[in-house]
Protein backbone atom coordinates (compact mmCIF):
# COMPACT_ATOMS: atom_id res chain seq x y z
CA MET A 1 75.38 2.38 86.17
CA GLY A 2 72.16 1.85 88.59
CA LEU A 3 68.99 1.93 87.33
CA LEU A 4 65.60 2.53 89.84
CA LEU A 5 62.93 0.35 87.57
CA HIS A 6 59.40 1.51 88.72
CA ILE A 7 57.36 -2.28 89.23
CA CYS A 8 53.98 -2.29 88.62
CA CYS A 9 53.38 -5.95 89.47
CA GLY A 10 55.48 -8.90 89.88
CA PRO A 11 54.84 -10.74 86.79
CA CYS A 12 55.90 -7.81 84.36
CA ALA A 13 58.80 -7.62 86.83
CA SER A 14 59.91 -10.96 86.56
CA GLY A 15 61.18 -10.19 82.05
CA THR A 16 61.77 -6.42 83.13
CA ILE A 17 64.29 -7.38 85.95
CA LEU A 18 66.33 -9.82 83.76
CA VAL A 19 66.63 -7.74 80.98
CA TRP A 20 68.25 -4.77 82.39
CA LYS A 21 70.67 -7.15 84.28
CA SER A 22 71.41 -9.08 81.14
CA ARG A 23 72.72 -5.25 79.67
CA GLY A 24 74.80 -5.09 82.66
CA LEU A 25 72.47 -2.53 85.04
CA GLU A 26 72.15 -2.71 88.28
CA VAL A 27 68.62 -2.60 89.26
CA THR A 28 66.77 -1.35 92.32
CA GLY A 29 62.89 -1.87 92.31
CA PHE A 30 60.61 0.96 92.95
CA PHE A 31 56.95 0.03 93.72
CA PHE A 32 54.85 3.20 93.63
CA ASN A 33 50.80 2.20 92.22
CA PRO A 34 48.46 4.08 94.19
CA ASN A 35 46.27 3.25 91.26
CA ILE A 36 45.47 -0.29 92.41
CA HIS A 37 42.13 -1.13 94.51
CA PRO A 38 40.81 -2.59 96.68
CA LEU A 39 43.47 -2.60 99.36
CA LEU A 40 43.52 -6.14 99.19
CA GLU A 41 44.61 -6.07 95.32
CA TRP A 42 47.23 -3.80 96.00
CA ARG A 43 49.02 -5.99 98.93
CA ARG A 44 48.82 -8.52 96.82
CA ARG A 45 50.71 -6.63 94.04
CA VAL A 46 53.31 -5.43 96.36
CA THR A 47 54.02 -9.43 98.06
CA GLY A 48 54.82 -9.84 93.85
CA ALA A 49 56.52 -7.54 93.77
CA ARG A 50 58.76 -8.45 96.63
CA ASP A 51 58.59 -11.99 95.55
CA VAL A 52 60.06 -11.33 91.95
CA ALA A 53 62.80 -8.71 93.51
CA HIS A 54 63.80 -11.18 95.97
CA LEU A 55 64.28 -13.90 93.45
CA ASN A 56 66.22 -12.11 91.17
CA GLY A 57 68.61 -9.97 94.16
CA VAL A 58 67.22 -6.94 93.11
CA GLU A 59 66.51 -4.45 96.35
CA LEU A 60 63.16 -3.18 96.52
CA VAL A 61 62.25 0.34 97.38
CA GLU A 62 58.50 0.78 98.40
CA ASP A 63 56.48 3.60 98.80
CA SER A 64 53.85 2.14 100.80
CA ALA A 65 51.56 5.57 101.38
CA TYR A 66 47.71 3.79 100.01
CA ASP A 67 45.58 7.22 99.11
CA PRO A 68 43.11 6.36 96.51
CA GLU A 69 41.65 9.76 97.22
CA ALA A 70 44.85 11.61 95.81
CA TRP A 71 44.99 9.10 93.01
CA PHE A 72 40.98 9.82 91.89
CA ALA A 73 42.21 13.53 92.43
CA THR A 74 44.67 12.83 89.34
CA VAL A 75 43.33 11.18 86.96
CA ALA A 76 39.44 13.06 87.30
CA GLY A 77 40.61 15.63 85.47
CA GLY A 78 43.54 17.28 83.24
CA GLU A 79 44.55 16.49 80.45
CA GLY A 80 44.83 13.32 78.04
CA SER A 81 43.24 10.44 79.41
CA ARG A 82 42.52 8.52 82.56
CA CYS A 83 45.46 6.39 81.81
CA GLN A 84 47.89 9.26 80.76
CA ARG A 85 47.12 10.64 83.81
CA CYS A 86 47.96 7.67 85.92
CA ILE A 87 51.50 6.81 84.23
CA GLY A 88 52.37 10.19 84.06
CA GLN A 89 51.87 10.55 88.44
CA ARG A 90 53.55 6.88 88.99
CA LEU A 91 56.47 7.62 86.67
CA MET A 92 56.76 11.48 88.10
CA ARG A 93 57.45 9.73 91.72
CA THR A 94 59.81 7.03 90.04
CA ALA A 95 61.96 10.20 88.53
CA GLU A 96 61.47 12.08 92.38
CA GLU A 97 62.31 8.82 93.94
CA ALA A 98 65.60 8.80 91.11
CA ALA A 99 66.74 12.03 91.70
CA ALA A 100 66.59 11.95 95.57
CA ARG A 101 68.29 8.55 95.57
CA GLY A 102 71.22 9.48 93.22
CA ASP A 103 70.12 7.53 90.36
CA SER A 104 70.72 9.30 87.05
CA VAL A 105 68.15 6.61 85.21
CA PHE A 106 64.81 5.12 85.51
CA SER A 107 62.23 3.34 83.54
CA SER A 108 59.33 0.84 84.40
CA THR A 109 58.38 -2.71 84.07
CA LEU A 110 55.18 -0.93 81.99
CA ALA A 111 57.40 -0.98 79.09
CA ILE A 112 56.69 -4.92 79.00
CA SER A 113 53.12 -4.81 78.86
CA PRO A 114 51.09 -5.65 75.51
CA TYR A 115 47.92 -3.81 77.42
CA GLN A 116 49.71 -0.61 78.51
CA ASP A 117 49.90 2.70 75.90
CA HIS A 118 53.96 2.98 75.09
CA GLU A 119 53.69 6.38 73.71
CA THR A 120 52.03 7.71 76.86
CA ILE A 121 55.11 5.61 79.05
CA ARG A 122 57.62 7.04 76.47
CA SER A 123 56.48 10.82 76.67
CA ALA A 124 55.42 10.60 80.62
CA GLY A 125 58.69 9.35 81.16
CA GLU A 126 60.71 11.91 79.47
CA HIS A 127 58.94 14.48 80.61
CA ALA A 128 59.34 13.29 84.49
CA ALA A 129 63.03 12.81 83.77
CA ARG A 130 63.24 16.60 82.62
CA GLN A 131 61.44 17.49 85.84
CA HIS A 132 63.70 15.76 88.11
CA ASN A 133 67.20 16.04 86.25
CA VAL A 134 67.49 12.14 85.34
CA GLU A 135 67.31 9.99 82.45
CA PHE A 136 64.21 8.10 81.47
CA VAL A 137 65.12 4.93 79.36
CA TYR A 138 62.56 3.59 77.30
CA GLU A 139 62.78 0.54 75.38
CA ASP A 140 59.41 -2.07 73.90
CA LEU A 141 60.23 -4.94 75.66
CA ARG A 142 56.62 -6.52 74.51
CA PRO A 143 58.79 -8.96 73.03
CA TYR A 144 59.99 -10.74 76.43
CA TYR A 145 56.40 -10.42 77.73
CA ALA A 146 55.42 -14.40 77.43
CA GLU A 147 58.48 -15.03 78.98
CA SER A 148 57.46 -12.88 81.99
CA ARG A 149 54.34 -14.97 81.72
CA ARG A 150 56.11 -17.91 81.96
CA LEU A 151 58.27 -16.91 84.69
CA SER A 152 55.72 -15.56 87.06
CA ARG A 153 53.63 -19.30 86.65
CA GLU A 154 57.06 -20.82 87.24
CA TRP A 155 57.63 -18.55 90.65
CA GLY A 156 54.02 -18.58 91.55
CA VAL A 157 53.98 -15.50 91.72
CA TYR A 158 50.27 -13.72 91.77
CA ARG A 159 48.36 -12.74 88.19
CA GLN A 160 46.30 -9.74 87.81
CA LYS A 161 43.73 -9.65 85.53
CA TYR A 162 43.40 -5.80 85.18
CA CYS A 163 45.31 -3.16 85.33
CA GLY A 164 44.71 -2.16 88.76
CA CYS A 165 42.08 0.58 88.76
CA LEU A 166 38.93 0.25 89.74
CA ILE A 167 37.59 1.70 86.59
CA SER A 168 40.01 -0.91 84.55
CA GLU A 169 38.22 -3.54 86.76
CA TRP A 170 34.58 -2.23 86.22
CA GLU A 171 35.60 -2.02 82.68
CA ARG A 172 36.95 -5.71 82.54
CA TYR A 173 33.19 -7.14 84.04
CA ARG A 174 31.04 -4.94 81.53
CA GLY A 175 33.16 -6.07 78.35
CA SER A 176 34.54 -3.03 77.49
C-alpha cells in the first residue's frame, strides 16, 4: 500500500520514513510548508527533505509555491490557535495531493516531534481525510525522535531550531 507522507523537514523525515517503510508501506514524500520563513530557511528545509528522501530511496513530490501572504491569511484568524490552522492547512493540502495522485492513505512527519500538538495533528488529519475521501494514518512516533536526531546528524542533514514560522522564530528569541 502506498502512503503519501507530508514532510516538514529532513530530521523528522529521517526517522518517520524508516518507521513506515518497516511496516511494509511504499512511502512517497510530499513537501508543502508555506509556514517556513524566511525563503532561505524554506530552501534549507526542502534541501534536507530531498537529501533524506534520496538516502531512503523515496520519491519526493514538492509543492514549491512559496506564498507567505496565503499562509499569514490562513493563520491570522478563525477557529483554534495559529498552530492548529497551520497544521490544518498543510494536512489539507497533503490530503488533496493524496487524492489527486490516487493514494488512499496519508500521514505526516509532524507525528515524530515532541514539540507538536499531537491532538491537533490527529484531528486536522482526520478532517482533511474526510474532505478528500482518503485515510489519515496517525501514530505517535515520538519514541523514534531521538533516533531521527541521531540519523540526521549522521547524514549531515540541516537541523533547524524552530518550527519554521516567523512567529515561532520570534518566540524562540524572546524566550517564550
